[in-house]
Amino acid sequence: MSLQQSIEKDFVQAYKAKDEVRVAVLRMLKTAIKNKHVELGRPLENDEILDVVGKQAKQRRESIEQYEKATRPDLVDREKAELAVLESYLPAALSEQELAAAVDEAIAETGAASMKEMGKVMSSLMEKYKGRVDGKQAQNMVRSRLS
């Protein structure tokens, strides 16, 4: 079953179960996928759908940060619930040790020796571990290794 079919099936189940948060998140996700489909002019593949889900999850993480700064625990809780739904469609994230090994491997592959080559390392890392790496965490780790 493709990821899009899985999302459709889960949406129907959540709708029948009257799970408001899950229905809202999946409806938003379906809309984002449809928009990307229209933009590209062709059906999306699973990895492209994962990109859309990843972008939605990133938006939720950023919103959580902003709401925490604004001391809005009600909105933080809502965003965390939405993030949990989105993360259920993403592949498992790399642990800190796995990320460290991946960063070292990417640095060795690209032959990077200075901060000027950080872009090469990041693009290699993000391409190889698409959807499994938190960009900010990876960036901080690459920066510390190259400086």
Protein backbone atom coordinates (compact mmCIF):
# COMPACT_ATOMS: atom_id res chain seq x y z
CA MET A 1 0.00 0.00 0.00
CA SER A 2 1.37 3.41 -0.94
CA LEU A 3 1.79 6.14 1.62
CA GLN A 4 -0.99 8.19 0.03
CA GLN A 5 -3.41 5.25 0.23
CA SER A 6 -2.44 4.75 3.85
CA ILE A 7 -3.15 8.42 4.61
CA GLU A 8 -6.53 8.19 2.87
CA LYS A 9 -7.46 5.03 4.81
CA ASP A 10 -6.35 6.55 8.13
CA PHE A 11 -8.34 9.71 7.36
CA VAL A 12 -11.54 7.71 6.85
CA GLN A 13 -10.94 5.75 10.07
CA ALA A 14 -10.26 8.92 12.06
CA TYR A 15 -13.35 10.57 10.58
CA LYS A 16 -15.54 7.64 11.57
CA ALA A 17 -13.99 7.59 15.04
CA LYS A 18 -14.55 11.36 15.37
CA ASP A 19 -10.87 11.91 16.22
CA GLU A 20 -10.84 15.68 15.64
CA VAL A 21 -7.09 16.27 15.84
CA ARG A 22 -6.20 13.36 13.56
CA VAL A 23 -8.91 14.34 11.04
CA ALA A 24 -7.69 17.96 10.97
CA VAL A 25 -4.04 16.97 10.51
CA LEU A 26 -4.78 14.39 7.82
CA ARG A 27 -7.10 16.79 6.00
CA MET A 28 -4.34 19.42 6.02
CA LEU A 29 -1.81 16.82 4.88
CA LYS A 30 -4.07 15.62 2.06
CA THR A 31 -4.48 19.23 0.92
CA ALA A 32 -0.70 19.82 0.96
CA ILE A 33 -0.19 16.63 -1.06
CA LYS A 34 -2.88 17.68 -3.54
CA ASN A 35 -1.28 21.13 -3.90
CA LYS A 36 2.11 19.54 -4.61
CA HIS A 37 0.42 17.20 -7.12
CA VAL A 38 -1.09 20.19 -8.95
CA GLU A 39 2.22 22.08 -8.80
CA LEU A 40 4.14 19.18 -10.35
CA GLY A 41 1.35 18.17 -12.71
CA ARG A 42 1.72 14.48 -11.89
CA PRO A 43 1.00 12.09 -9.04
CA LEU A 44 3.54 12.15 -6.24
CA GLU A 45 5.83 9.27 -5.41
CA ASN A 46 6.26 8.02 -1.85
CA ASP A 47 9.51 9.94 -1.25
CA GLU A 48 7.86 13.17 -2.45
CA ILE A 49 4.95 12.55 -0.10
CA LEU A 50 7.48 12.00 2.70
CA ASP A 51 8.96 15.41 1.85
CA VAL A 52 5.51 17.00 2.22
CA VAL A 53 4.96 15.22 5.55
CA GLY A 54 8.43 16.31 6.69
CA LYS A 55 7.70 19.94 5.84
CA GLN A 56 4.42 19.80 7.74
CA ALA A 57 6.23 18.28 10.75
CA LYS A 58 8.92 20.96 10.58
CA GLN A 59 6.23 23.66 10.62
CA ARG A 60 4.76 22.10 13.77
CA ARG A 61 8.17 21.99 15.49
CA GLU A 62 8.75 25.66 14.68
CA SER A 63 5.26 26.54 15.93
CA ILE A 64 5.92 24.67 19.17
CA GLU A 65 9.08 26.75 19.71
CA GLN A 66 7.20 29.99 19.06
CA TYR A 67 4.29 29.08 21.31
CA GLU A 68 6.65 28.07 24.11
CA LYS A 69 8.36 31.46 23.86
CA ALA A 70 4.94 33.12 24.01
CA THR A 71 3.95 30.91 26.99
CA ARG A 72 0.89 29.44 25.28
CA PRO A 73 0.71 25.89 26.68
CA ASP A 74 -2.72 25.27 25.13
CA LEU A 75 -1.34 25.83 21.63
CA VAL A 76 1.86 23.92 22.41
CA ASP A 77 -0.21 20.88 23.38
CA ARG A 78 -2.27 21.11 20.18
CA GLU A 79 0.84 21.38 17.99
CA LYS A 80 2.50 18.47 19.80
CA ALA A 81 -0.58 16.31 19.18
CA GLU A 82 -0.52 17.25 15.50
CA LEU A 83 3.22 16.57 15.30
CA ALA A 84 2.72 13.11 16.78
CA VAL A 85 0.22 12.28 14.01
CA LEU A 86 2.62 13.50 11.31
CA GLU A 87 5.61 11.67 12.79
CA SER A 88 3.71 8.40 12.56
CA TYR A 89 4.14 8.66 8.75
CA LEU A 90 7.84 9.54 8.84
CA PRO A 91 10.68 7.02 9.03
CA ALA A 92 12.38 6.69 12.41
CA ALA A 93 14.82 9.51 13.12
CA LEU A 94 18.51 8.77 13.60
CA SER A 95 19.74 8.56 17.17
CA GLU A 96 22.47 10.93 18.29
CA GLN A 97 25.15 8.24 17.88
CA GLU A 98 23.85 7.29 14.42
CA LEU A 99 23.79 10.94 13.44
CA ALA A 100 27.36 11.44 14.65
CA ALA A 101 28.50 8.45 12.58
CA ALA A 102 26.57 9.73 9.55
CA VAL A 103 28.14 13.19 9.90
CA ASP A 104 31.63 11.70 10.13
CA GLU A 105 30.91 9.56 7.07
CA ALA A 106 29.59 12.53 5.08
CA ILE A 107 32.65 14.59 5.99
CA ALA A 108 34.93 11.75 4.88
CA GLU A 109 32.99 11.27 1.61
CA THR A 110 33.08 14.94 0.67
CA GLY A 111 36.62 15.50 1.91
CA ALA A 112 35.49 18.62 3.73
CA ALA A 113 38.11 20.26 5.90
CA SER A 114 36.71 23.71 6.64
CA MET A 115 33.49 25.57 7.33
CA LYS A 116 33.45 26.72 3.69
CA GLU A 117 32.57 23.14 2.70
CA MET A 118 29.73 22.76 5.19
CA GLY A 119 27.14 23.01 2.40
CA LYS A 120 28.58 19.96 0.64
CA VAL A 121 28.48 17.92 3.83
CA MET A 122 24.92 18.99 4.68
CA SER A 123 23.58 18.26 1.21
CA SER A 124 25.23 14.84 1.19
CA LEU A 125 23.87 14.08 4.65
CA MET A 126 20.33 15.29 3.97
CA GLU A 127 20.14 13.44 0.67
CA LYS A 128 21.38 10.15 2.10
CA TYR A 129 19.17 10.25 5.22
CA LYS A 130 16.16 12.06 3.78
CA GLY A 131 13.43 12.51 6.38
CA ARG A 132 15.44 10.86 9.14
CA VAL A 133 17.65 13.79 10.16
CA ASP A 134 16.75 16.97 12.03
CA GLY A 135 18.43 19.71 10.01
CA LYS A 136 19.26 21.95 12.96
CA GLN A 137 20.80 19.13 14.96
CA ALA A 138 22.81 17.96 11.94
CA GLN A 139 23.96 21.49 11.18
CA ASN A 140 25.21 22.01 14.73
CA MET A 141 27.06 18.69 14.67
CA VAL A 142 28.67 19.38 11.27
CA ARG A 143 29.65 22.87 12.44
CA SER A 144 31.33 21.50 15.56
CA ARG A 145 33.22 18.85 13.53
CA LEU A 146 34.49 21.31 10.91
CA SER A 147 35.51 24.14 13.22
